[in-house]
N, C-alpha and C. Protein backbone atom coordinates (compact mmCIF):
# COMPACT_ATOMS: atom_id res chain seq x y z
N UNK A 1 0.83 -1.18 0.00
CA UNK A 1 0.00 0.00 0.00
C UNK A 1 0.88 1.26 0.00
N UNK A 2 0.57 2.20 -0.87
CA UNK A 2 1.35 3.43 -0.94
C UNK A 2 0.97 4.39 0.17
N UNK A 3 1.96 5.08 0.67
CA UNK A 3 1.74 6.06 1.71
C UNK A 3 1.30 7.38 1.08
N UNK A 4 0.12 7.84 1.47
CA UNK A 4 -0.36 9.12 0.97
C UNK A 4 -0.36 10.19 2.05
N UNK A 5 0.24 9.86 3.19
CA UNK A 5 0.32 10.80 4.31
C UNK A 5 1.76 11.26 4.41
N UNK A 6 1.92 12.52 4.71
CA UNK A 6 3.26 13.09 4.83
C UNK A 6 3.52 13.54 6.25
N UNK A 7 4.75 13.33 6.69
CA UNK A 7 5.17 13.81 8.00
C UNK A 7 5.46 15.31 7.87
N UNK A 8 4.63 16.16 8.48
CA UNK A 8 4.84 17.60 8.32
C UNK A 8 6.17 18.09 8.88
N UNK A 9 6.71 17.42 9.89
CA UNK A 9 8.00 17.84 10.45
C UNK A 9 9.11 17.71 9.41
N UNK A 10 9.05 16.67 8.61
CA UNK A 10 10.07 16.46 7.57
C UNK A 10 9.95 17.53 6.49
N UNK A 11 8.72 17.80 6.07
CA UNK A 11 8.52 18.83 5.05
C UNK A 11 8.97 20.18 5.59
N UNK A 12 8.68 20.46 6.85
CA UNK A 12 9.11 21.73 7.42
C UNK A 12 10.64 21.81 7.55
N UNK A 13 11.31 20.68 7.76
CA UNK A 13 12.78 20.69 7.74
C UNK A 13 13.30 21.10 6.37
N UNK A 14 12.65 20.59 5.33
CA UNK A 14 13.04 20.96 3.96
C UNK A 14 12.76 22.46 3.74
N UNK A 15 11.65 22.93 4.26
CA UNK A 15 11.34 24.36 4.13
C UNK A 15 12.37 25.19 4.89
N UNK A 16 12.81 24.71 6.06
CA UNK A 16 13.84 25.43 6.82
C UNK A 16 15.13 25.57 6.03
N UNK A 17 15.56 24.51 5.36
CA UNK A 17 16.81 24.61 4.60
C UNK A 17 16.63 25.57 3.42
N UNK A 18 15.43 25.65 2.88
CA UNK A 18 15.16 26.64 1.83
C UNK A 18 15.16 28.05 2.42
N UNK A 19 14.62 28.21 3.63
CA UNK A 19 14.68 29.51 4.30
C UNK A 19 16.13 29.90 4.57
N UNK A 20 16.94 28.93 4.97
CA UNK A 20 18.37 29.17 5.17
C UNK A 20 19.01 29.65 3.87
N UNK A 21 18.67 28.98 2.79
CA UNK A 21 19.25 29.32 1.49
C UNK A 21 18.87 30.75 1.09
N UNK A 22 17.61 31.11 1.31
CA UNK A 22 17.14 32.47 0.99
C UNK A 22 17.92 33.48 1.82
N UNK A 23 18.02 33.25 3.12
CA UNK A 23 18.75 34.19 3.98
C UNK A 23 20.24 34.21 3.63
N UNK A 24 20.78 33.04 3.30
CA UNK A 24 22.19 32.97 2.92
C UNK A 24 22.49 33.79 1.68
N UNK A 25 21.63 33.67 0.67
CA UNK A 25 21.86 34.46 -0.55
C UNK A 25 21.57 35.93 -0.34
N UNK A 26 20.63 36.27 0.54
CA UNK A 26 20.44 37.68 0.89
C UNK A 26 21.70 38.24 1.53
N UNK A 27 22.31 37.46 2.43
CA UNK A 27 23.56 37.86 3.06
C UNK A 27 24.67 37.98 2.00
N UNK A 28 24.69 37.03 1.06
CA UNK A 28 25.70 37.04 0.00
C UNK A 28 25.54 38.29 -0.88
N UNK A 29 24.32 38.69 -1.16
CA UNK A 29 24.08 39.91 -1.95
C UNK A 29 24.61 41.12 -1.19
N UNK A 30 24.32 41.17 0.11
CA UNK A 30 24.80 42.27 0.95
C UNK A 30 26.34 42.32 0.92
N UNK A 31 26.98 41.17 1.08
CA UNK A 31 28.45 41.12 1.06
C UNK A 31 29.00 41.47 -0.32
N UNK A 32 28.33 40.97 -1.36
CA UNK A 32 28.78 41.27 -2.73
C UNK A 32 28.74 42.77 -2.98
N UNK A 33 27.65 43.42 -2.55
CA UNK A 33 27.54 44.87 -2.75
C UNK A 33 28.61 45.62 -1.97
N UNK A 34 28.86 45.19 -0.75
CA UNK A 34 29.84 45.91 0.06
C UNK A 34 31.27 45.72 -0.45
N UNK A 35 31.47 44.72 -1.32
CA UNK A 35 32.80 44.47 -1.86
C UNK A 35 32.88 44.71 -3.37
N UNK A 36 31.86 45.40 -3.92
CA UNK A 36 31.90 45.76 -5.33
C UNK A 36 31.73 44.59 -6.29
N UNK A 37 31.06 43.54 -5.84
CA UNK A 37 30.88 42.35 -6.68
C UNK A 37 29.43 42.26 -7.19
N UNK A 38 28.94 43.33 -7.73
CA UNK A 38 27.55 43.45 -8.14
C UNK A 38 27.14 42.43 -9.21
N UNK A 39 28.11 41.95 -9.97
CA UNK A 39 27.80 41.00 -11.06
C UNK A 39 27.26 39.66 -10.53
N UNK A 40 27.44 39.39 -9.25
CA UNK A 40 26.96 38.13 -8.67
C UNK A 40 25.47 38.18 -8.30
N UNK A 41 24.94 39.38 -8.16
CA UNK A 41 23.56 39.52 -7.67
C UNK A 41 22.52 38.78 -8.50
N UNK A 42 22.55 38.83 -9.84
CA UNK A 42 21.50 38.12 -10.60
C UNK A 42 21.43 36.62 -10.28
N UNK A 43 22.58 35.97 -10.18
CA UNK A 43 22.57 34.55 -9.84
C UNK A 43 22.04 34.33 -8.43
N UNK A 44 22.48 35.14 -7.49
CA UNK A 44 22.04 34.99 -6.11
C UNK A 44 20.53 35.19 -6.02
N UNK A 45 20.00 36.19 -6.72
CA UNK A 45 18.55 36.44 -6.70
C UNK A 45 17.79 35.27 -7.32
N UNK A 46 18.36 34.69 -8.37
CA UNK A 46 17.73 33.55 -9.03
C UNK A 46 17.55 32.39 -8.05
N UNK A 47 18.56 32.17 -7.19
CA UNK A 47 18.47 31.05 -6.25
C UNK A 47 17.56 31.37 -5.07
N UNK A 48 17.42 32.64 -4.73
CA UNK A 48 16.42 33.04 -3.73
C UNK A 48 15.04 32.71 -4.28
N UNK A 49 14.79 33.13 -5.53
CA UNK A 49 13.50 32.86 -6.16
C UNK A 49 13.25 31.36 -6.30
N UNK A 50 14.30 30.61 -6.58
CA UNK A 50 14.16 29.16 -6.71
C UNK A 50 13.69 28.56 -5.39
N UNK A 51 14.29 28.96 -4.29
CA UNK A 51 13.88 28.42 -2.98
C UNK A 51 12.47 28.88 -2.61
N UNK A 52 12.10 30.11 -2.98
CA UNK A 52 10.73 30.56 -2.74
C UNK A 52 9.74 29.68 -3.50
N UNK A 53 10.09 29.31 -4.72
CA UNK A 53 9.24 28.41 -5.52
C UNK A 53 9.18 27.03 -4.87
N UNK A 54 10.32 26.53 -4.40
CA UNK A 54 10.34 25.22 -3.74
C UNK A 54 9.41 25.21 -2.54
N UNK A 55 9.43 26.27 -1.74
CA UNK A 55 8.56 26.35 -0.57
C UNK A 55 7.10 26.37 -1.01
N UNK A 56 6.79 27.14 -2.05
CA UNK A 56 5.42 27.22 -2.55
C UNK A 56 4.94 25.85 -3.06
N UNK A 57 5.84 25.08 -3.64
CA UNK A 57 5.47 23.75 -4.14
C UNK A 57 5.20 22.77 -2.99
N UNK A 58 5.88 22.95 -1.86
CA UNK A 58 5.72 22.04 -0.72
C UNK A 58 4.57 22.44 0.21
N UNK A 59 4.21 23.70 0.23
CA UNK A 59 3.19 24.19 1.16
C UNK A 59 1.86 23.45 1.08
N UNK A 60 1.33 23.14 -0.10
CA UNK A 60 0.04 22.42 -0.13
C UNK A 60 0.08 21.07 0.58
N UNK A 61 1.23 20.40 0.58
CA UNK A 61 1.34 19.11 1.24
C UNK A 61 1.29 19.26 2.76
N UNK A 62 1.80 20.37 3.26
CA UNK A 62 1.68 20.66 4.69
C UNK A 62 0.24 20.98 5.04
N UNK A 63 -0.40 21.78 4.20
CA UNK A 63 -1.78 22.18 4.46
C UNK A 63 -2.72 20.98 4.47
N UNK A 64 -2.42 19.96 3.64
CA UNK A 64 -3.22 18.73 3.66
C UNK A 64 -3.15 18.04 5.02
N UNK A 65 -2.05 18.23 5.72
CA UNK A 65 -1.87 17.63 7.05
C UNK A 65 -2.30 18.60 8.15
N UNK A 66 -2.90 19.73 7.76
CA UNK A 66 -3.37 20.70 8.73
C UNK A 66 -2.29 21.56 9.35
N UNK A 67 -1.17 21.69 8.66
CA UNK A 67 -0.03 22.46 9.18
C UNK A 67 0.29 23.62 8.25
N UNK A 68 1.02 24.58 8.79
CA UNK A 68 1.49 25.73 8.03
C UNK A 68 2.99 25.61 7.84
N UNK A 69 3.52 26.17 6.74
CA UNK A 69 4.97 26.14 6.55
C UNK A 69 5.68 27.03 7.58
N UNK A 70 6.79 26.57 8.02
CA UNK A 70 7.59 27.34 8.98
C UNK A 70 8.26 28.51 8.28
N UNK A 71 8.46 29.57 9.03
CA UNK A 71 9.25 30.67 8.48
C UNK A 71 10.60 30.75 9.18
N UNK A 72 10.91 29.73 9.97
CA UNK A 72 12.18 29.73 10.69
C UNK A 72 13.27 29.08 9.85
N UNK A 73 14.48 29.20 10.38
CA UNK A 73 15.64 28.59 9.75
C UNK A 73 16.27 27.62 10.74
N UNK A 74 17.22 26.86 10.27
CA UNK A 74 17.93 25.94 11.13
C UNK A 74 19.05 26.70 11.84
N UNK A 75 19.35 26.32 13.05
CA UNK A 75 20.43 26.96 13.80
C UNK A 75 21.73 26.90 13.02
N UNK A 76 21.97 25.77 12.37
CA UNK A 76 23.21 25.63 11.60
C UNK A 76 23.27 26.66 10.48
N UNK A 77 22.13 27.01 9.89
CA UNK A 77 22.09 28.03 8.85
C UNK A 77 22.46 29.40 9.39
N UNK A 78 21.98 29.71 10.59
CA UNK A 78 22.31 31.00 11.21
C UNK A 78 23.80 31.07 11.50
N UNK A 79 24.34 29.98 12.00
CA UNK A 79 25.77 29.94 12.29
C UNK A 79 26.57 30.05 11.00
N UNK A 80 26.10 29.39 9.94
CA UNK A 80 26.80 29.44 8.66
C UNK A 80 26.87 30.86 8.12
N UNK A 81 25.75 31.59 8.20
CA UNK A 81 25.73 32.95 7.67
C UNK A 81 26.68 33.85 8.45
N UNK A 82 26.75 33.66 9.76
CA UNK A 82 27.69 34.45 10.56
C UNK A 82 29.13 34.12 10.15
N UNK A 83 29.39 32.83 9.97
CA UNK A 83 30.73 32.40 9.56
C UNK A 83 31.08 32.95 8.18
N UNK A 84 30.09 32.95 7.26
CA UNK A 84 30.32 33.44 5.90
C UNK A 84 30.75 34.91 5.96
N UNK A 85 30.10 35.69 6.77
CA UNK A 85 30.43 37.10 6.89
C UNK A 85 31.84 37.29 7.43
N UNK A 86 32.18 36.54 8.46
CA UNK A 86 33.51 36.63 9.06
C UNK A 86 34.57 36.18 8.06
N UNK A 87 34.34 35.05 7.37
CA UNK A 87 35.33 34.50 6.45
C UNK A 87 35.61 35.47 5.30
N UNK A 88 34.57 36.03 4.72
CA UNK A 88 34.76 36.94 3.60
C UNK A 88 35.52 38.18 4.06
N UNK A 89 35.25 38.65 5.26
CA UNK A 89 35.94 39.84 5.75
C UNK A 89 37.39 39.55 6.13
N UNK A 90 37.69 38.36 6.56
CA UNK A 90 39.06 38.02 6.97
C UNK A 90 39.94 37.69 5.77
N UNK A 91 39.39 36.99 4.78
CA UNK A 91 40.22 36.45 3.70
C UNK A 91 40.44 37.41 2.54
N UNK A 92 40.13 38.66 2.72
CA UNK A 92 40.49 39.62 1.68
C UNK A 92 39.32 40.10 0.86
N UNK A 93 38.10 39.83 1.28
CA UNK A 93 36.92 40.37 0.61
C UNK A 93 36.85 39.99 -0.86
N UNK A 94 37.29 38.82 -1.21
CA UNK A 94 37.34 38.49 -2.63
C UNK A 94 36.16 37.64 -3.08
N UNK A 95 35.96 37.65 -4.37
CA UNK A 95 34.87 36.94 -5.02
C UNK A 95 34.94 35.44 -4.74
N UNK A 96 36.13 34.88 -4.82
CA UNK A 96 36.29 33.44 -4.62
C UNK A 96 35.83 33.04 -3.22
N UNK A 97 36.19 33.79 -2.20
CA UNK A 97 35.80 33.47 -0.82
C UNK A 97 34.28 33.49 -0.67
N UNK A 98 33.65 34.49 -1.25
CA UNK A 98 32.19 34.60 -1.16
C UNK A 98 31.54 33.40 -1.86
N UNK A 99 32.02 33.06 -3.04
CA UNK A 99 31.45 31.93 -3.78
C UNK A 99 31.73 30.60 -3.09
N UNK A 100 32.88 30.47 -2.44
CA UNK A 100 33.16 29.25 -1.65
C UNK A 100 32.14 29.11 -0.53
N UNK A 101 31.81 30.22 0.11
CA UNK A 101 30.80 30.18 1.17
C UNK A 101 29.44 29.80 0.62
N UNK A 102 29.08 30.34 -0.54
CA UNK A 102 27.81 29.99 -1.17
C UNK A 102 27.78 28.51 -1.54
N UNK A 103 28.91 28.01 -2.02
CA UNK A 103 28.97 26.59 -2.39
C UNK A 103 28.78 25.71 -1.16
N UNK A 104 29.34 26.11 -0.02
CA UNK A 104 29.14 25.34 1.21
C UNK A 104 27.66 25.32 1.59
N UNK A 105 26.98 26.44 1.40
CA UNK A 105 25.55 26.48 1.64
C UNK A 105 24.79 25.55 0.72
N UNK A 106 25.18 25.53 -0.54
CA UNK A 106 24.54 24.61 -1.50
C UNK A 106 24.82 23.15 -1.12
N UNK A 107 26.02 22.88 -0.60
CA UNK A 107 26.34 21.52 -0.14
C UNK A 107 25.44 21.09 1.02
N UNK A 108 25.19 22.01 1.96
CA UNK A 108 24.31 21.71 3.10
C UNK A 108 22.88 21.45 2.61
N UNK A 109 22.44 22.25 1.66
CA UNK A 109 21.11 22.09 1.07
C UNK A 109 20.99 20.70 0.44
N UNK A 110 21.97 20.37 -0.38
CA UNK A 110 21.98 19.07 -1.07
C UNK A 110 21.98 17.92 -0.07
N UNK A 111 22.78 18.03 0.98
CA UNK A 111 22.87 16.97 1.98
C UNK A 111 21.54 16.77 2.69
N UNK A 112 20.84 17.85 2.99
CA UNK A 112 19.55 17.74 3.66
C UNK A 112 18.54 17.03 2.78
N UNK A 113 18.46 17.43 1.53
CA UNK A 113 17.52 16.78 0.60
C UNK A 113 17.87 15.30 0.43
N UNK A 114 19.15 15.00 0.23
CA UNK A 114 19.55 13.60 0.03
C UNK A 114 19.23 12.75 1.25
N UNK A 115 19.47 13.30 2.43
CA UNK A 115 19.18 12.57 3.67
C UNK A 115 17.70 12.23 3.76
N UNK A 116 16.86 13.21 3.48
CA UNK A 116 15.41 12.99 3.53
C UNK A 116 15.00 11.95 2.49
N UNK A 117 15.52 12.07 1.28
CA UNK A 117 15.14 11.13 0.21
C UNK A 117 15.67 9.72 0.46
N UNK A 118 16.75 9.59 1.23
CA UNK A 118 17.30 8.26 1.52
C UNK A 118 16.74 7.65 2.80
N UNK A 119 16.52 8.48 3.82
CA UNK A 119 16.20 7.94 5.14
C UNK A 119 14.73 8.09 5.56
N UNK A 120 14.01 9.03 4.97
CA UNK A 120 12.66 9.31 5.45
C UNK A 120 11.57 9.00 4.42
N UNK A 121 11.88 8.16 3.46
CA UNK A 121 10.93 7.92 2.37
C UNK A 121 9.63 7.27 2.84
N UNK A 122 9.69 6.50 3.92
CA UNK A 122 8.46 5.85 4.40
C UNK A 122 7.51 6.84 5.08
N UNK A 123 7.97 8.08 5.29
CA UNK A 123 7.12 9.08 5.93
C UNK A 123 6.65 10.16 4.95
N UNK A 124 6.88 9.89 3.66
CA UNK A 124 6.48 10.84 2.63
C UNK A 124 5.72 10.13 1.52
N UNK A 125 4.75 10.83 0.96
CA UNK A 125 3.98 10.28 -0.15
C UNK A 125 4.83 10.25 -1.41
N UNK A 126 4.46 9.41 -2.37
CA UNK A 126 5.19 9.40 -3.65
C UNK A 126 5.21 10.78 -4.32
N UNK A 127 4.12 11.53 -4.19
CA UNK A 127 4.09 12.88 -4.79
C UNK A 127 5.14 13.79 -4.18
N UNK A 128 5.28 13.77 -2.86
CA UNK A 128 6.27 14.63 -2.21
C UNK A 128 7.68 14.16 -2.57
N UNK A 129 7.91 12.87 -2.58
CA UNK A 129 9.23 12.37 -2.96
C UNK A 129 9.59 12.82 -4.37
N UNK A 130 8.62 12.81 -5.27
CA UNK A 130 8.85 13.26 -6.64
C UNK A 130 9.18 14.75 -6.67
N UNK A 131 8.43 15.56 -5.93
CA UNK A 131 8.70 17.00 -5.86
C UNK A 131 10.12 17.24 -5.33
N UNK A 132 10.50 16.53 -4.28
CA UNK A 132 11.83 16.71 -3.69
C UNK A 132 12.93 16.30 -4.66
N UNK A 133 12.72 15.23 -5.41
CA UNK A 133 13.71 14.78 -6.38
C UNK A 133 13.90 15.83 -7.48
N UNK A 134 12.80 16.38 -7.96
CA UNK A 134 12.88 17.43 -9.00
C UNK A 134 13.58 18.66 -8.44
N UNK A 135 13.23 19.06 -7.21
CA UNK A 135 13.87 20.22 -6.60
C UNK A 135 15.37 19.99 -6.42
N UNK A 136 15.74 18.80 -5.96
CA UNK A 136 17.16 18.49 -5.77
C UNK A 136 17.91 18.58 -7.09
N UNK A 137 17.32 18.08 -8.16
CA UNK A 137 17.98 18.15 -9.47
C UNK A 137 18.19 19.60 -9.92
N UNK A 138 17.20 20.46 -9.66
CA UNK A 138 17.35 21.88 -10.00
C UNK A 138 18.43 22.51 -9.14
N UNK A 139 18.48 22.13 -7.86
CA UNK A 139 19.49 22.68 -6.96
C UNK A 139 20.88 22.23 -7.37
N UNK A 140 21.01 21.01 -7.86
CA UNK A 140 22.34 20.53 -8.29
C UNK A 140 22.87 21.38 -9.44
N UNK A 141 21.98 21.85 -10.31
CA UNK A 141 22.39 22.76 -11.38
C UNK A 141 22.88 24.08 -10.79
N UNK A 142 22.17 24.57 -9.77
CA UNK A 142 22.59 25.80 -9.09
C UNK A 142 23.96 25.61 -8.45
N UNK A 143 24.15 24.49 -7.80
CA UNK A 143 25.43 24.18 -7.16
C UNK A 143 26.55 24.21 -8.20
N UNK A 144 26.31 23.57 -9.34
CA UNK A 144 27.34 23.52 -10.38
C UNK A 144 27.66 24.91 -10.92
N UNK A 145 26.65 25.78 -11.02
CA UNK A 145 26.88 27.15 -11.48
C UNK A 145 27.75 27.91 -10.48
N UNK A 146 27.42 27.80 -9.20
CA UNK A 146 28.21 28.48 -8.16
C UNK A 146 29.65 27.95 -8.18
N UNK A 147 29.80 26.65 -8.33
CA UNK A 147 31.13 26.03 -8.37
C UNK A 147 31.93 26.55 -9.57
N UNK A 148 31.26 26.65 -10.73
CA UNK A 148 31.93 27.16 -11.93
C UNK A 148 32.35 28.62 -11.73
N UNK A 149 31.46 29.43 -11.16
CA UNK A 149 31.79 30.83 -10.90
C UNK A 149 32.98 30.91 -9.93
N UNK A 150 32.98 30.05 -8.92
CA UNK A 150 34.10 30.03 -7.95
C UNK A 150 35.39 29.66 -8.65
N UNK A 151 35.35 28.61 -9.46
CA UNK A 151 36.56 28.17 -10.17
C UNK A 151 37.07 29.27 -11.09
N UNK A 152 36.17 29.97 -11.78
CA UNK A 152 36.58 31.03 -12.69
C UNK A 152 37.08 32.27 -11.95
N UNK A 153 36.64 32.43 -10.70
CA UNK A 153 37.07 33.59 -9.91
C UNK A 153 38.56 33.50 -9.56
N UNK A 154 39.10 32.30 -9.58
CA UNK A 154 40.52 32.15 -9.23
C UNK A 154 41.43 32.25 -10.45
N UNK A 155 40.82 32.44 -11.61
CA UNK A 155 41.64 32.56 -12.84
C UNK A 155 42.21 33.96 -12.98
């Protein structure tokens, strides 16, 4: 029998990592502007919008369970953003450092999705698993773009 019930706590964890990503890229935009790296803003904004879309796609599944999407972030995300700010300021305010920090954020995002898709599948409906798989694939493209920008920043 297929599971058509979703564990709202798991979906909200996914929403939290998306909230982290949104806040992380907002912080990255702020840092980019303060260091004259305005050319990075369009990509950063694109990934903010991507996470907003991901949250919108997951919200109906929470509402089916009588829950609302969280607007909070994970503690690790808050710590990461603080670290990102410190690292960029210490290492010379360069483009590569900022993009390395963004890539670490994308790695955390990817790890959260993969963990849920590998370990929590019995608590999610096939529809939600499909949505998460599609979102992860889109995020992997974002990760590769950030990685490419980082690699090119050192040239």
